[in-house]
Amino acid sequence: MNPLTMFAVYLTIWWTALFVILPLGSRSYHESGIKVTDGGDPGAPVNPNLKKKFITTTWVSFVFWAVLMLALHFHWIPMPSLAHWN
């Protein structure tokens, strides 16, 4: 598989994992009982911990990507050969 394709697959997995991991452990201002001032959104997280979530997303994505690449390499998931299509 082309390295650019492998990177594109990793990036797709990374973004999907990010959207799964972002809401985990977040508490909103409303849930915490903190009054919002200056037009803030009561549903916004008090402390989003983005650095921790980006690091978690990176290693979770790498694990899923590595398993996928191993499955493709050992033909556990067959890849169609596009060169033979007529």
PDB file of N, CA and C in Angstrom:
ATOM      1  N   MET A   1       0.849  -1.170   0.000  1.00  0.00           N
ATOM      2  CA  MET A   1       0.000   0.000   0.000  1.00  0.00           C
ATOM      3  C   MET A   1       0.899   1.239   0.000  1.00  0.00           C
ATOM      4  N   ASN A   2       0.493   2.208  -0.726  1.00  0.00           N
ATOM      5  CA  ASN A   2       1.197   3.470  -0.855  1.00  0.00           C
ATOM      6  C   ASN A   2       1.261   4.187   0.514  1.00  0.00           C
ATOM      7  N   PRO A   3       2.413   4.756   0.891  1.00  0.00           N
ATOM      8  CA  PRO A   3       2.504   5.464   2.183  1.00  0.00           C
ATOM      9  C   PRO A   3       1.511   6.617   2.314  1.00  0.00           C
ATOM     10  N   LEU A   4       1.213   7.288   1.230  1.00  0.00           N
ATOM     11  CA  LEU A   4       0.233   8.372   1.284  1.00  0.00           C
ATOM     12  C   LEU A   4      -1.158   7.821   1.599  1.00  0.00           C
ATOM     13  N   THR A   5      -1.488   6.680   1.032  1.00  0.00           N
ATOM     14  CA  THR A   5      -2.769   6.033   1.324  1.00  0.00           C
ATOM     15  C   THR A   5      -2.817   5.574   2.773  1.00  0.00           C
ATOM     16  N   MET A   6      -1.703   5.031   3.260  1.00  0.00           N
ATOM     17  CA  MET A   6      -1.642   4.597   4.650  1.00  0.00           C
ATOM     18  C   MET A   6      -1.839   5.785   5.594  1.00  0.00           C
ATOM     19  N   PHE A   7      -1.241   6.931   5.261  1.00  0.00           N
ATOM     20  CA  PHE A   7      -1.409   8.133   6.068  1.00  0.00           C
ATOM     21  C   PHE A   7      -2.854   8.625   6.020  1.00  0.00           C
ATOM     22  N   ALA A   8      -3.476   8.555   4.845  1.00  0.00           N
ATOM     23  CA  ALA A   8      -4.870   8.988   4.711  1.00  0.00           C
ATOM     24  C   ALA A   8      -5.797   8.102   5.542  1.00  0.00           C
ATOM     25  N   VAL A   9      -5.519   6.810   5.568  1.00  0.00           N
ATOM     26  CA  VAL A   9      -6.316   5.887   6.384  1.00  0.00           C
ATOM     27  C   VAL A   9      -6.125   6.223   7.863  1.00  0.00           C
ATOM     28  N   TYR A  10      -4.878   6.462   8.276  1.00  0.00           N
ATOM     29  CA  TYR A  10      -4.607   6.824   9.675  1.00  0.00           C
ATOM     30  C   TYR A  10      -5.320   8.122  10.049  1.00  0.00           C
ATOM     31  N   LEU A  11      -5.265   9.109   9.180  1.00  0.00           N
ATOM     32  CA  LEU A  11      -5.910  10.388   9.455  1.00  0.00           C
ATOM     33  C   LEU A  11      -7.423  10.233   9.586  1.00  0.00           C
ATOM     34  N   THR A  12      -8.016   9.401   8.755  1.00  0.00           N
ATOM     35  CA  THR A  12      -9.455   9.143   8.844  1.00  0.00           C
ATOM     36  C   THR A  12      -9.800   8.466  10.164  1.00  0.00           C
ATOM     37  N   ILE A  13      -9.007   7.482  10.557  1.00  0.00           N
ATOM     38  CA  ILE A  13      -9.223   6.811  11.843  1.00  0.00           C
ATOM     39  C   ILE A  13      -9.022   7.802  12.985  1.00  0.00           C
ATOM     40  N   TRP A  14      -8.012   8.684  12.877  1.00  0.00           N
ATOM     41  CA  TRP A  14      -7.729   9.655  13.930  1.00  0.00           C
ATOM     42  C   TRP A  14      -8.914  10.586  14.146  1.00  0.00           C
ATOM     43  N   TRP A  15      -9.463  11.132  13.056  1.00  0.00           N
ATOM     44  CA  TRP A  15     -10.599  12.052  13.183  1.00  0.00           C
ATOM     45  C   TRP A  15     -11.829  11.351  13.759  1.00  0.00           C
ATOM     46  N   THR A  16     -12.063  10.115  13.332  1.00  0.00           N
ATOM     47  CA  THR A  16     -13.202   9.362  13.858  1.00  0.00           C
ATOM     48  C   THR A  16     -13.021   9.112  15.352  1.00  0.00           C
ATOM     49  N   ALA A  17     -11.813   8.710  15.751  1.00  0.00           N
ATOM     50  CA  ALA A  17     -11.528   8.474  17.171  1.00  0.00           C
ATOM     51  C   ALA A  17     -11.647   9.766  17.977  1.00  0.00           C
ATOM     52  N   LEU A  18     -11.219  10.880  17.411  1.00  0.00           N
ATOM     53  CA  LEU A  18     -11.319  12.167  18.115  1.00  0.00           C
ATOM     54  C   LEU A  18     -12.763  12.480  18.468  1.00  0.00           C
ATOM     55  N   PHE A  19     -13.678  12.284  17.523  1.00  0.00           N
ATOM     56  CA  PHE A  19     -15.081  12.593  17.788  1.00  0.00           C
ATOM     57  C   PHE A  19     -15.713  11.611  18.770  1.00  0.00           C
ATOM     58  N   VAL A  20     -15.135  10.425  18.902  1.00  0.00           N
ATOM     59  CA  VAL A  20     -15.602   9.480  19.910  1.00  0.00           C
ATOM     60  C   VAL A  20     -15.055   9.862  21.285  1.00  0.00           C
ATOM     61  N   ILE A  21     -13.803  10.301  21.346  1.00  0.00           N
ATOM     62  CA  ILE A  21     -13.127  10.574  22.619  1.00  0.00           C
ATOM     63  C   ILE A  21     -13.463  11.957  23.188  1.00  0.00           C
ATOM     64  N   LEU A  22     -13.782  12.929  22.359  1.00  0.00           N
ATOM     65  CA  LEU A  22     -14.033  14.294  22.845  1.00  0.00           C
ATOM     66  C   LEU A  22     -15.064  14.395  23.966  1.00  0.00           C
ATOM     67  N   PRO A  23     -16.209  13.754  23.869  1.00  0.00           N
ATOM     68  CA  PRO A  23     -17.191  13.941  24.953  1.00  0.00           C
ATOM     69  C   PRO A  23     -16.890  13.152  26.230  1.00  0.00           C
ATOM     70  N   LEU A  24     -15.947  12.236  26.206  1.00  0.00           N
ATOM     71  CA  LEU A  24     -15.674  11.406  27.376  1.00  0.00           C
ATOM     72  C   LEU A  24     -15.087  12.237  28.517  1.00  0.00           C
ATOM     73  N   GLY A  25     -15.702  12.143  29.676  1.00  0.00           N
ATOM     74  CA  GLY A  25     -15.197  12.817  30.867  1.00  0.00           C
ATOM     75  C   GLY A  25     -15.440  14.318  30.926  1.00  0.00           C
ATOM     76  N   SER A  26     -16.195  14.859  29.994  1.00  0.00           N
ATOM     77  CA  SER A  26     -16.451  16.306  30.004  1.00  0.00           C
ATOM     78  C   SER A  26     -17.699  16.615  30.827  1.00  0.00           C
ATOM     79  N   ARG A  27     -17.603  17.654  31.621  1.00  0.00           N
ATOM     80  CA  ARG A  27     -18.756  18.150  32.369  1.00  0.00           C
ATOM     81  C   ARG A  27     -19.034  19.579  31.926  1.00  0.00           C
ATOM     82  N   SER A  28     -20.289  19.838  31.637  1.00  0.00           N
ATOM     83  CA  SER A  28     -20.670  21.175  31.191  1.00  0.00           C
ATOM     84  C   SER A  28     -20.855  22.102  32.390  1.00  0.00           C
ATOM     85  N   TYR A  29     -20.964  23.384  32.099  1.00  0.00           N
ATOM     86  CA  TYR A  29     -21.230  24.365  33.152  1.00  0.00           C
ATOM     87  C   TYR A  29     -22.564  24.057  33.828  1.00  0.00           C
ATOM     88  N   HIS A  30     -23.538  23.657  33.029  1.00  0.00           N
ATOM     89  CA  HIS A  30     -24.860  23.341  33.571  1.00  0.00           C
ATOM     90  C   HIS A  30     -24.792  22.134  34.501  1.00  0.00           C
ATOM     91  N   GLU A  31     -24.068  21.082  34.098  1.00  0.00           N
ATOM     92  CA  GLU A  31     -23.935  19.889  34.941  1.00  0.00           C
ATOM     93  C   GLU A  31     -23.165  20.176  36.228  1.00  0.00           C
ATOM     94  N   SER A  32     -22.209  21.097  36.142  1.00  0.00           N
ATOM     95  CA  SER A  32     -21.404  21.434  37.316  1.00  0.00           C
ATOM     96  C   SER A  32     -22.077  22.450  38.227  1.00  0.00           C
ATOM     97  N   GLY A  33     -23.174  23.044  37.769  1.00  0.00           N
ATOM     98  CA  GLY A  33     -23.885  24.028  38.582  1.00  0.00           C
ATOM     99  C   GLY A  33     -23.234  25.396  38.599  1.00  0.00           C
ATOM    100  N   ILE A  34     -22.421  25.687  37.590  1.00  0.00           N
ATOM    101  CA  ILE A  34     -21.744  26.982  37.506  1.00  0.00           C
ATOM    102  C   ILE A  34     -22.570  27.903  36.622  1.00  0.00           C
ATOM    103  N   LYS A  35     -22.845  29.101  37.117  1.00  0.00           N
ATOM    104  CA  LYS A  35     -23.625  30.063  36.337  1.00  0.00           C
ATOM    105  C   LYS A  35     -22.748  30.640  35.229  1.00  0.00           C
ATOM    106  N   VAL A  36     -23.285  30.658  34.018  1.00  0.00           N
ATOM    107  CA  VAL A  36     -22.560  31.150  32.852  1.00  0.00           C
ATOM    108  C   VAL A  36     -22.808  32.648  32.707  1.00  0.00           C
ATOM    109  N   THR A  37     -21.734  33.406  32.482  1.00  0.00           N
ATOM    110  CA  THR A  37     -21.855  34.854  32.293  1.00  0.00           C
ATOM    111  C   THR A  37     -21.298  35.240  30.927  1.00  0.00           C
ATOM    112  N   ASP A  38     -21.532  36.438  30.537  1.00  0.00           N
ATOM    113  CA  ASP A  38     -21.020  37.030  29.299  1.00  0.00           C
ATOM    114  C   ASP A  38     -21.435  36.262  28.050  1.00  0.00           C
ATOM    115  N   GLY A  39     -22.637  35.694  28.052  1.00  0.00           N
ATOM    116  CA  GLY A  39     -23.160  35.045  26.858  1.00  0.00           C
ATOM    117  C   GLY A  39     -22.565  33.686  26.554  1.00  0.00           C
ATOM    118  N   GLY A  40     -21.945  33.060  27.512  1.00  0.00           N
ATOM    119  CA  GLY A  40     -21.368  31.732  27.315  1.00  0.00           C
ATOM    120  C   GLY A  40     -22.447  30.670  27.186  1.00  0.00           C
ATOM    121  N   ASP A  41     -22.090  29.553  26.636  1.00  0.00           N
ATOM    122  CA  ASP A  41     -23.019  28.452  26.443  1.00  0.00           C
ATOM    123  C   ASP A  41     -22.994  27.540  27.669  1.00  0.00           C
ATOM    124  N   PRO A  42     -24.146  27.271  28.277  1.00  0.00           N
ATOM    125  CA  PRO A  42     -24.158  26.398  29.445  1.00  0.00           C
ATOM    126  C   PRO A  42     -23.773  24.949  29.112  1.00  0.00           C
ATOM    127  N   GLY A  43     -23.815  24.569  27.843  1.00  0.00           N
ATOM    128  CA  GLY A  43     -23.441  23.226  27.442  1.00  0.00           C
ATOM    129  C   GLY A  43     -21.961  23.064  27.150  1.00  0.00           C
ATOM    130  N   ALA A  44     -21.207  24.160  27.213  1.00  0.00           N
ATOM    131  CA  ALA A  44     -19.766  24.091  26.951  1.00  0.00           C
ATOM    132  C   ALA A  44     -19.057  23.410  28.117  1.00  0.00           C
ATOM    133  N   PRO A  45     -18.002  22.639  27.810  1.00  0.00           N
ATOM    134  CA  PRO A  45     -17.290  21.968  28.909  1.00  0.00           C
ATOM    135  C   PRO A  45     -16.527  22.952  29.784  1.00  0.00           C
ATOM    136  N   VAL A  46     -16.486  22.659  31.077  1.00  0.00           N
ATOM    137  CA  VAL A  46     -15.760  23.495  32.028  1.00  0.00           C
ATOM    138  C   VAL A  46     -14.262  23.383  31.761  1.00  0.00           C
ATOM    139  N   ASN A  47     -13.754  22.162  31.655  1.00  0.00           N
ATOM    140  CA  ASN A  47     -12.342  21.928  31.387  1.00  0.00           C
ATOM    141  C   ASN A  47     -12.256  20.829  30.323  1.00  0.00           C
ATOM    142  N   PRO A  48     -12.049  21.190  29.051  1.00  0.00           N
ATOM    143  CA  PRO A  48     -12.114  20.195  27.980  1.00  0.00           C
ATOM    144  C   PRO A  48     -10.935  19.220  27.921  1.00  0.00           C
ATOM    145  N   ASN A  49      -9.795  19.525  28.576  1.00  0.00           N
ATOM    146  CA  ASN A  49      -8.619  18.641  28.560  1.00  0.00           C
ATOM    147  C   ASN A  49      -8.226  18.226  27.140  1.00  0.00           C
ATOM    148  N   LEU A  50      -8.110  19.185  26.240  1.00  0.00           N
ATOM    149  CA  LEU A  50      -7.843  18.866  24.844  1.00  0.00           C
ATOM    150  C   LEU A  50      -6.498  18.195  24.609  1.00  0.00           C
ATOM    151  N   LYS A  51      -5.467  18.618  25.327  1.00  0.00           N
ATOM    152  CA  LYS A  51      -4.145  18.007  25.125  1.00  0.00           C
ATOM    153  C   LYS A  51      -4.194  16.514  25.473  1.00  0.00           C
ATOM    154  N   LYS A  52      -4.794  16.189  26.595  1.00  0.00           N
ATOM    155  CA  LYS A  52      -4.920  14.791  27.014  1.00  0.00           C
ATOM    156  C   LYS A  52      -5.752  13.998  26.005  1.00  0.00           C
ATOM    157  N   LYS A  53      -6.809  14.602  25.499  1.00  0.00           N
ATOM    158  CA  LYS A  53      -7.675  13.904  24.544  1.00  0.00           C
ATOM    159  C   LYS A  53      -6.989  13.722  23.195  1.00  0.00           C
ATOM    160  N   PHE A  54      -6.173  14.687  22.766  1.00  0.00           N
ATOM    161  CA  PHE A  54      -5.422  14.519  21.512  1.00  0.00           C
ATOM    162  C   PHE A  54      -4.386  13.410  21.639  1.00  0.00           C
ATOM    163  N   ILE A  55      -3.735  13.331  22.792  1.00  0.00           N
ATOM    164  CA  ILE A  55      -2.754  12.260  23.008  1.00  0.00           C
ATOM    165  C   ILE A  55      -3.456  10.904  23.037  1.00  0.00           C
ATOM    166  N   THR A  56      -4.575  10.824  23.736  1.00  0.00           N
ATOM    167  CA  THR A  56      -5.341   9.579  23.776  1.00  0.00           C
ATOM    168  C   THR A  56      -5.825   9.191  22.389  1.00  0.00           C
ATOM    169  N   THR A  57      -6.313  10.160  21.636  1.00  0.00           N
ATOM    170  CA  THR A  57      -6.776   9.902  20.276  1.00  0.00           C
ATOM    171  C   THR A  57      -5.646   9.371  19.408  1.00  0.00           C
ATOM    172  N   THR A  58      -4.451   9.914  19.572  1.00  0.00           N
ATOM    173  CA  THR A  58      -3.309   9.499  18.761  1.00  0.00           C
ATOM    174  C   THR A  58      -2.945   8.050  19.012  1.00  0.00           C
ATOM    175  N   TRP A  59      -2.839   7.631  20.273  1.00  0.00           N
ATOM    176  CA  TRP A  59      -2.423   6.246  20.497  1.00  0.00           C
ATOM    177  C   TRP A  59      -3.542   5.257  20.212  1.00  0.00           C
ATOM    178  N   VAL A  60      -4.804   5.629  20.483  1.00  0.00           N
ATOM    179  CA  VAL A  60      -5.928   4.744  20.142  1.00  0.00           C
ATOM    180  C   VAL A  60      -6.004   4.568  18.627  1.00  0.00           C
ATOM    181  N   SER A  61      -5.827   5.649  17.890  1.00  0.00           N
ATOM    182  CA  SER A  61      -5.851   5.581  16.422  1.00  0.00           C
ATOM    183  C   SER A  61      -4.718   4.724  15.895  1.00  0.00           C
ATOM    184  N   PHE A  62      -3.540   4.863  16.498  1.00  0.00           N
ATOM    185  CA  PHE A  62      -2.404   4.071  16.052  1.00  0.00           C
ATOM    186  C   PHE A  62      -2.660   2.576  16.250  1.00  0.00           C
ATOM    187  N   VAL A  63      -3.255   2.216  17.377  1.00  0.00           N
ATOM    188  CA  VAL A  63      -3.553   0.801  17.634  1.00  0.00           C
ATOM    189  C   VAL A  63      -4.531   0.267  16.590  1.00  0.00           C
ATOM    190  N   PHE A  64      -5.617   0.987  16.333  1.00  0.00           N
ATOM    191  CA  PHE A  64      -6.584   0.556  15.330  1.00  0.00           C
ATOM    192  C   PHE A  64      -5.951   0.504  13.940  1.00  0.00           C
ATOM    193  N   TRP A  65      -5.136   1.497  13.623  1.00  0.00           N
ATOM    194  CA  TRP A  65      -4.472   1.540  12.320  1.00  0.00           C
ATOM    195  C   TRP A  65      -3.508   0.374  12.166  1.00  0.00           C
ATOM    196  N   ALA A  66      -2.733   0.069  13.201  1.00  0.00           N
ATOM    197  CA  ALA A  66      -1.770  -1.038  13.140  1.00  0.00           C
ATOM    198  C   ALA A  66      -2.484  -2.376  12.950  1.00  0.00           C
ATOM    199  N   VAL A  67      -3.579  -2.577  13.650  1.00  0.00           N
ATOM    200  CA  VAL A  67      -4.354  -3.814  13.487  1.00  0.00           C
ATOM    201  C   VAL A  67      -4.893  -3.909  12.061  1.00  0.00           C
ATOM    202  N   LEU A  68      -5.387  -2.805  11.534  1.00  0.00           N
ATOM    203  CA  LEU A  68      -5.895  -2.795  10.162  1.00  0.00           C
ATOM    204  C   LEU A  68      -4.787  -3.086   9.156  1.00  0.00           C
ATOM    205  N   MET A  69      -3.620  -2.476   9.343  1.00  0.00           N
ATOM    206  CA  MET A  69      -2.509  -2.717   8.420  1.00  0.00           C
ATOM    207  C   MET A  69      -2.027  -4.168   8.490  1.00  0.00           C
ATOM    208  N   LEU A  70      -1.987  -4.744   9.683  1.00  0.00           N
ATOM    209  CA  LEU A  70      -1.625  -6.160   9.820  1.00  0.00           C
ATOM    210  C   LEU A  70      -2.655  -7.052   9.144  1.00  0.00           C
ATOM    211  N   ALA A  71      -3.915  -6.744   9.320  1.00  0.00           N
ATOM    212  CA  ALA A  71      -4.971  -7.533   8.682  1.00  0.00           C
ATOM    213  C   ALA A  71      -4.877  -7.456   7.163  1.00  0.00           C
ATOM    214  N   LEU A  72      -4.552  -6.302   6.629  1.00  0.00           N
ATOM    215  CA  LEU A  72      -4.395  -6.165   5.183  1.00  0.00           C
ATOM    216  C   LEU A  72      -3.126  -6.862   4.700  1.00  0.00           C
ATOM    217  N   HIS A  73      -2.051  -6.766   5.464  1.00  0.00           N
ATOM    218  CA  HIS A  73      -0.783  -7.375   5.074  1.00  0.00           C
ATOM    219  C   HIS A  73      -0.876  -8.900   5.027  1.00  0.00           C
ATOM    220  N   PHE A  74      -1.541  -9.486   6.015  1.00  0.00           N
ATOM    221  CA  PHE A  74      -1.657 -10.940   6.076  1.00  0.00           C
ATOM    222  C   PHE A  74      -2.913 -11.462   5.374  1.00  0.00           C
ATOM    223  N   HIS A  75      -3.604 -10.588   4.647  1.00  0.00           N
ATOM    224  CA  HIS A  75      -4.777 -10.930   3.827  1.00  0.00           C
ATOM    225  C   HIS A  75      -5.922 -11.501   4.659  1.00  0.00           C
ATOM    226  N   TRP A  76      -6.030 -11.043   5.914  1.00  0.00           N
ATOM    227  CA  TRP A  76      -7.195 -11.390   6.708  1.00  0.00           C
ATOM    228  C   TRP A  76      -8.402 -10.628   6.180  1.00  0.00           C
ATOM    229  N   ILE A  77      -8.139  -9.463   5.614  1.00  0.00           N
ATOM    230  CA  ILE A  77      -9.140  -8.669   4.898  1.00  0.00           C
ATOM    231  C   ILE A  77      -8.644  -8.564   3.460  1.00  0.00           C
ATOM    232  N   PRO A  78      -9.312  -9.204   2.526  1.00  0.00           N
ATOM    233  CA  PRO A  78      -8.804  -9.161   1.148  1.00  0.00           C
ATOM    234  C   PRO A  78      -9.005  -7.788   0.509  1.00  0.00           C
ATOM    235  N   MET A  79      -7.995  -7.353  -0.221  1.00  0.00           N
ATOM    236  CA  MET A  79      -8.068  -6.097  -0.965  1.00  0.00           C
ATOM    237  C   MET A  79      -8.316  -6.444  -2.431  1.00  0.00           C
ATOM    238  N   PRO A  80      -9.295  -5.831  -3.068  1.00  0.00           N
ATOM    239  CA  PRO A  80      -9.505  -6.107  -4.492  1.00  0.00           C
ATOM    240  C   PRO A  80      -8.357  -5.560  -5.320  1.00  0.00           C
ATOM    241  N   SER A  81      -8.011  -6.260  -6.352  1.00  0.00           N
ATOM    242  CA  SER A  81      -6.943  -5.797  -7.247  1.00  0.00           C
ATOM    243  C   SER A  81      -7.572  -4.938  -8.326  1.00  0.00           C
ATOM    244  N   LEU A  82      -7.344  -3.660  -8.273  1.00  0.00           N
ATOM    245  CA  LEU A  82      -7.959  -2.733  -9.236  1.00  0.00           C
ATOM    246  C   LEU A  82      -7.324  -2.823 -10.602  1.00  0.00           C
ATOM    247  N   ALA A  83      -6.124  -3.382 -10.688  1.00  0.00           N
ATOM    248  CA  ALA A  83      -5.421  -3.459 -11.978  1.00  0.00           C
ATOM    249  C   ALA A  83      -6.085  -4.474 -12.914  1.00  0.00           C
ATOM    250  N   HIS A  84      -6.827  -5.426 -12.372  1.00  0.00           N
ATOM    251  CA  HIS A  84      -7.425  -6.473 -13.201  1.00  0.00           C
ATOM    252  C   HIS A  84      -8.871  -6.207 -13.569  1.00  0.00           C
ATOM    253  N   TRP A  85      -9.368  -5.060 -13.250  1.00  0.00           N
ATOM    254  CA  TRP A  85     -10.755  -4.751 -13.585  1.00  0.00           C
ATOM    255  C   TRP A  85     -10.879  -4.453 -15.065  1.00  0.00           C
ATOM    256  N   ASN A  86     -11.876  -4.996 -15.704  1.00  0.00           N
ATOM    257  CA  ASN A  86     -12.146  -4.744 -17.144  1.00  0.00           C
ATOM    258  C   ASN A  86     -13.530  -4.204 -17.323  1.00  0.00           C
TER     259      ASN A  86
END
